[in-house]
Amino acid sequence: MANKEMKRKKRSSSSSRKVKGLGLHVIPFSEVQYLSITDRIKKILKLILGNKIVILQGRLKVEEEIRLIEDTMAMVDHIKSFRGIELAVIEPSLNDSGIMAKMKQGIANRLSGNTGALTIIGPASIVKEIKKDPKKLEVMLG
């Protein structure tokens, strides 16, 4: 009987093994709220170069996304094992809301940095594809 329990424990512990080289890093908006564009991008790229998938509360500004992509493209040429990033944003849908609710949400987004959104950024060597549909994101690892 004890032998069976030991086998069962071995199986359960081996099935919960950590995927080597993979990590998730959640960044709350408050952590990057007052950082400059350069510092935000550095923080994100440092995590991605460490093989971490970044989940950012809120979304990057357009200028920040452009800068992130530019910096990433420059790094692809200079870092041998770096193949780029995958990036996607999911935001709450306001299609069913009235005009007043949309206006309130728009004002709140401007003031708070659109913290209702989630931005997923990961190294292309780990994140093979991000499928986006209006209500969910699927992150395919490989």
C-alpha atoms as a PDB file:
ATOM      1  CA  MET A   1       0.000   0.000   0.000  1.00  0.00           C
ATOM      2  CA  ALA A   2       2.782   2.443   0.891  1.00  0.00           C
ATOM      3  CA  ASN A   3       4.487   1.613  -2.417  1.00  0.00           C
ATOM      4  CA  LYS A   4       1.379   2.680  -4.364  1.00  0.00           C
ATOM      5  CA  GLU A   5       1.193   5.979  -2.456  1.00  0.00           C
ATOM      6  CA  MET A   6       4.853   6.716  -3.220  1.00  0.00           C
ATOM      7  CA  LYS A   7       4.274   6.054  -6.943  1.00  0.00           C
ATOM      8  CA  ARG A   8       1.223   8.323  -6.891  1.00  0.00           C
ATOM      9  CA  LYS A   9       3.216  11.112  -5.189  1.00  0.00           C
ATOM     10  CA  LYS A  10       6.029  10.752  -7.724  1.00  0.00           C
ATOM     11  CA  ARG A  11       3.571  11.042 -10.607  1.00  0.00           C
ATOM     12  CA  SER A  12       1.853  14.100  -9.159  1.00  0.00           C
ATOM     13  CA  SER A  13       5.126  15.883  -8.415  1.00  0.00           C
ATOM     14  CA  SER A  14       6.508  15.176 -11.891  1.00  0.00           C
ATOM     15  CA  SER A  15       3.359  16.496 -13.553  1.00  0.00           C
ATOM     16  CA  SER A  16       3.708  19.839 -11.757  1.00  0.00           C
ATOM     17  CA  ARG A  17       7.246  20.512 -12.976  1.00  0.00           C
ATOM     18  CA  LYS A  18       8.197  24.051 -13.832  1.00  0.00           C
ATOM     19  CA  VAL A  19       8.654  24.781 -17.517  1.00  0.00           C
ATOM     20  CA  LYS A  20      12.352  25.560 -17.850  1.00  0.00           C
ATOM     21  CA  GLY A  21      13.127  29.127 -18.826  1.00  0.00           C
ATOM     22  CA  LEU A  22       9.537  30.395 -18.629  1.00  0.00           C
ATOM     23  CA  GLY A  23       8.173  32.969 -16.246  1.00  0.00           C
ATOM     24  CA  LEU A  24       5.228  35.311 -15.979  1.00  0.00           C
ATOM     25  CA  HIS A  25       5.687  38.800 -14.620  1.00  0.00           C
ATOM     26  CA  VAL A  26       2.632  40.883 -13.783  1.00  0.00           C
ATOM     27  CA  ILE A  27       3.237  44.634 -13.727  1.00  0.00           C
ATOM     28  CA  PRO A  28       0.525  46.692 -12.031  1.00  0.00           C
ATOM     29  CA  PHE A  29      -0.098  50.104 -13.556  1.00  0.00           C
ATOM     30  CA  SER A  30       1.061  51.782 -10.343  1.00  0.00           C
ATOM     31  CA  GLU A  31       4.553  50.317 -10.856  1.00  0.00           C
ATOM     32  CA  VAL A  32       5.077  52.027 -14.229  1.00  0.00           C
ATOM     33  CA  GLN A  33       2.698  54.966 -13.927  1.00  0.00           C
ATOM     34  CA  TYR A  34       5.359  57.604 -13.328  1.00  0.00           C
ATOM     35  CA  LEU A  35       8.205  56.097 -15.357  1.00  0.00           C
ATOM     36  CA  SER A  36       9.415  57.832 -18.492  1.00  0.00           C
ATOM     37  CA  ILE A  37       8.899  56.158 -21.871  1.00  0.00           C
ATOM     38  CA  THR A  38      12.549  55.082 -21.891  1.00  0.00           C
ATOM     39  CA  ASP A  39      12.352  53.575 -18.406  1.00  0.00           C
ATOM     40  CA  ARG A  40       9.097  51.712 -19.160  1.00  0.00           C
ATOM     41  CA  ILE A  41      10.565  50.197 -22.315  1.00  0.00           C
ATOM     42  CA  LYS A  42      13.811  49.266 -20.529  1.00  0.00           C
ATOM     43  CA  LYS A  43      11.857  47.559 -17.747  1.00  0.00           C
ATOM     44  CA  ILE A  44       9.750  45.557 -20.198  1.00  0.00           C
ATOM     45  CA  LEU A  45      12.676  44.570 -22.432  1.00  0.00           C
ATOM     46  CA  LYS A  46      14.791  43.513 -19.459  1.00  0.00           C
ATOM     47  CA  LEU A  47      12.048  41.114 -18.375  1.00  0.00           C
ATOM     48  CA  ILE A  48      11.528  39.798 -21.910  1.00  0.00           C
ATOM     49  CA  LEU A  49      15.253  39.192 -22.361  1.00  0.00           C
ATOM     50  CA  GLY A  50      15.016  37.132 -19.157  1.00  0.00           C
ATOM     51  CA  ASN A  51      12.463  34.861 -20.933  1.00  0.00           C
ATOM     52  CA  LYS A  52       9.509  36.271 -19.031  1.00  0.00           C
ATOM     53  CA  ILE A  53       6.045  36.923 -20.410  1.00  0.00           C
ATOM     54  CA  VAL A  54       4.923  40.356 -19.212  1.00  0.00           C
ATOM     55  CA  ILE A  55       1.310  40.997 -18.267  1.00  0.00           C
ATOM     56  CA  LEU A  56       0.884  44.741 -17.954  1.00  0.00           C
ATOM     57  CA  GLN A  57      -2.175  46.256 -16.329  1.00  0.00           C
ATOM     58  CA  GLY A  58      -3.343  48.897 -18.778  1.00  0.00           C
ATOM     59  CA  ARG A  59      -1.917  49.540 -22.188  1.00  0.00           C
ATOM     60  CA  LEU A  60       1.105  51.296 -23.545  1.00  0.00           C
ATOM     61  CA  LYS A  61       0.657  54.644 -25.238  1.00  0.00           C
ATOM     62  CA  VAL A  62       1.061  54.642 -29.013  1.00  0.00           C
ATOM     63  CA  GLU A  63       4.486  56.291 -28.725  1.00  0.00           C
ATOM     64  CA  GLU A  64       5.562  53.613 -26.238  1.00  0.00           C
ATOM     65  CA  GLU A  65       4.442  50.777 -28.502  1.00  0.00           C
ATOM     66  CA  ILE A  66       6.345  52.336 -31.402  1.00  0.00           C
ATOM     67  CA  ARG A  67       9.460  52.738 -29.268  1.00  0.00           C
ATOM     68  CA  LEU A  68       9.174  49.156 -27.975  1.00  0.00           C
ATOM     69  CA  ILE A  69       8.941  47.802 -31.517  1.00  0.00           C
ATOM     70  CA  GLU A  70      11.841  49.972 -32.744  1.00  0.00           C
ATOM     71  CA  ASP A  71      14.069  48.924 -29.836  1.00  0.00           C
ATOM     72  CA  THR A  72      13.096  45.290 -30.346  1.00  0.00           C
ATOM     73  CA  MET A  73      13.965  45.411 -34.059  1.00  0.00           C
ATOM     74  CA  ALA A  74      17.365  46.905 -33.224  1.00  0.00           C
ATOM     75  CA  MET A  75      18.008  44.171 -30.645  1.00  0.00           C
ATOM     76  CA  VAL A  76      17.115  41.366 -33.068  1.00  0.00           C
ATOM     77  CA  ASP A  77      20.117  42.318 -35.186  1.00  0.00           C
ATOM     78  CA  HIS A  78      22.521  42.468 -32.232  1.00  0.00           C
ATOM     79  CA  ILE A  79      21.460  39.683 -29.858  1.00  0.00           C
ATOM     80  CA  LYS A  80      21.923  36.248 -31.379  1.00  0.00           C
ATOM     81  CA  SER A  81      19.228  34.321 -29.473  1.00  0.00           C
ATOM     82  CA  PHE A  82      16.628  37.124 -29.490  1.00  0.00           C
ATOM     83  CA  ARG A  83      13.941  36.752 -32.170  1.00  0.00           C
ATOM     84  CA  GLY A  84      11.645  39.607 -31.234  1.00  0.00           C
ATOM     85  CA  ILE A  85       8.401  39.969 -29.293  1.00  0.00           C
ATOM     86  CA  GLU A  86       4.728  39.151 -29.548  1.00  0.00           C
ATOM     87  CA  LEU A  87       2.353  41.810 -28.239  1.00  0.00           C
ATOM     88  CA  ALA A  88      -1.415  41.969 -27.806  1.00  0.00           C
ATOM     89  CA  VAL A  89      -3.893  44.103 -25.882  1.00  0.00           C
ATOM     90  CA  ILE A  90      -7.330  43.161 -24.667  1.00  0.00           C
ATOM     91  CA  GLU A  91      -9.761  45.834 -23.551  1.00  0.00           C
ATOM     92  CA  PRO A  92     -13.252  45.674 -22.089  1.00  0.00           C
ATOM     93  CA  SER A  93     -15.921  45.975 -24.757  1.00  0.00           C
ATOM     94  CA  LEU A  94     -18.171  49.007 -24.641  1.00  0.00           C
ATOM     95  CA  ASN A  95     -20.296  48.025 -27.650  1.00  0.00           C
ATOM     96  CA  ASP A  96     -23.365  47.328 -25.512  1.00  0.00           C
ATOM     97  CA  SER A  97     -22.966  50.503 -23.435  1.00  0.00           C
ATOM     98  CA  GLY A  98     -24.817  53.745 -23.908  1.00  0.00           C
ATOM     99  CA  ILE A  99     -23.212  56.999 -25.013  1.00  0.00           C
ATOM    100  CA  MET A 100     -22.890  58.316 -21.430  1.00  0.00           C
ATOM    101  CA  ALA A 101     -21.142  55.127 -20.258  1.00  0.00           C
ATOM    102  CA  LYS A 102     -18.723  55.348 -23.191  1.00  0.00           C
ATOM    103  CA  MET A 103     -17.961  59.004 -22.420  1.00  0.00           C
ATOM    104  CA  LYS A 104     -17.369  58.227 -18.727  1.00  0.00           C
ATOM    105  CA  GLN A 105     -15.091  55.330 -19.645  1.00  0.00           C
ATOM    106  CA  GLY A 106     -13.185  57.511 -22.117  1.00  0.00           C
ATOM    107  CA  ILE A 107     -12.578  60.189 -19.485  1.00  0.00           C
ATOM    108  CA  ALA A 108     -11.560  57.587 -16.896  1.00  0.00           C
ATOM    109  CA  ASN A 109      -9.147  55.987 -19.388  1.00  0.00           C
ATOM    110  CA  ARG A 110      -7.487  59.329 -20.096  1.00  0.00           C
ATOM    111  CA  LEU A 111      -7.067  60.048 -16.397  1.00  0.00           C
ATOM    112  CA  SER A 112      -5.968  56.594 -15.260  1.00  0.00           C
ATOM    113  CA  GLY A 113      -3.992  55.270 -18.229  1.00  0.00           C
ATOM    114  CA  ASN A 114      -6.642  52.790 -19.393  1.00  0.00           C
ATOM    115  CA  THR A 115      -6.044  50.365 -16.542  1.00  0.00           C
ATOM    116  CA  GLY A 116      -9.033  48.263 -17.628  1.00  0.00           C
ATOM    117  CA  ALA A 117      -6.939  46.877 -20.473  1.00  0.00           C
ATOM    118  CA  LEU A 118      -4.367  44.091 -20.253  1.00  0.00           C
ATOM    119  CA  THR A 119      -1.234  44.063 -22.379  1.00  0.00           C
ATOM    120  CA  ILE A 120       0.589  40.781 -22.964  1.00  0.00           C
ATOM    121  CA  ILE A 121       4.183  40.992 -24.216  1.00  0.00           C
ATOM    122  CA  GLY A 122       6.451  38.003 -24.576  1.00  0.00           C
ATOM    123  CA  PRO A 123       9.615  36.880 -26.332  1.00  0.00           C
ATOM    124  CA  ALA A 124       8.888  35.420 -29.781  1.00  0.00           C
ATOM    125  CA  SER A 125      11.093  32.430 -28.930  1.00  0.00           C
ATOM    126  CA  ILE A 126       8.552  31.376 -26.270  1.00  0.00           C
ATOM    127  CA  VAL A 127       5.278  32.942 -27.429  1.00  0.00           C
ATOM    128  CA  LYS A 128       4.584  31.475 -30.840  1.00  0.00           C
ATOM    129  CA  GLU A 129       1.267  33.195 -31.390  1.00  0.00           C
ATOM    130  CA  ILE A 130      -1.293  35.334 -29.624  1.00  0.00           C
ATOM    131  CA  LYS A 131      -4.848  34.829 -30.838  1.00  0.00           C
ATOM    132  CA  LYS A 132      -7.124  37.698 -29.992  1.00  0.00           C
ATOM    133  CA  ASP A 133     -10.864  37.710 -30.040  1.00  0.00           C
ATOM    134  CA  PRO A 134     -12.975  40.509 -28.585  1.00  0.00           C
ATOM    135  CA  LYS A 135     -13.379  38.838 -25.183  1.00  0.00           C
ATOM    136  CA  LYS A 136     -10.199  36.820 -24.676  1.00  0.00           C
ATOM    137  CA  LEU A 137      -6.571  36.267 -25.593  1.00  0.00           C
ATOM    138  CA  GLU A 138      -5.004  32.888 -26.243  1.00  0.00           C
ATOM    139  CA  VAL A 139      -1.243  32.741 -25.831  1.00  0.00           C
ATOM    140  CA  MET A 140       0.355  29.814 -27.686  1.00  0.00           C
ATOM    141  CA  LEU A 141       3.692  28.754 -26.231  1.00  0.00           C
ATOM    142  CA  GLY A 142       6.224  26.697 -28.073  1.00  0.00           C
END
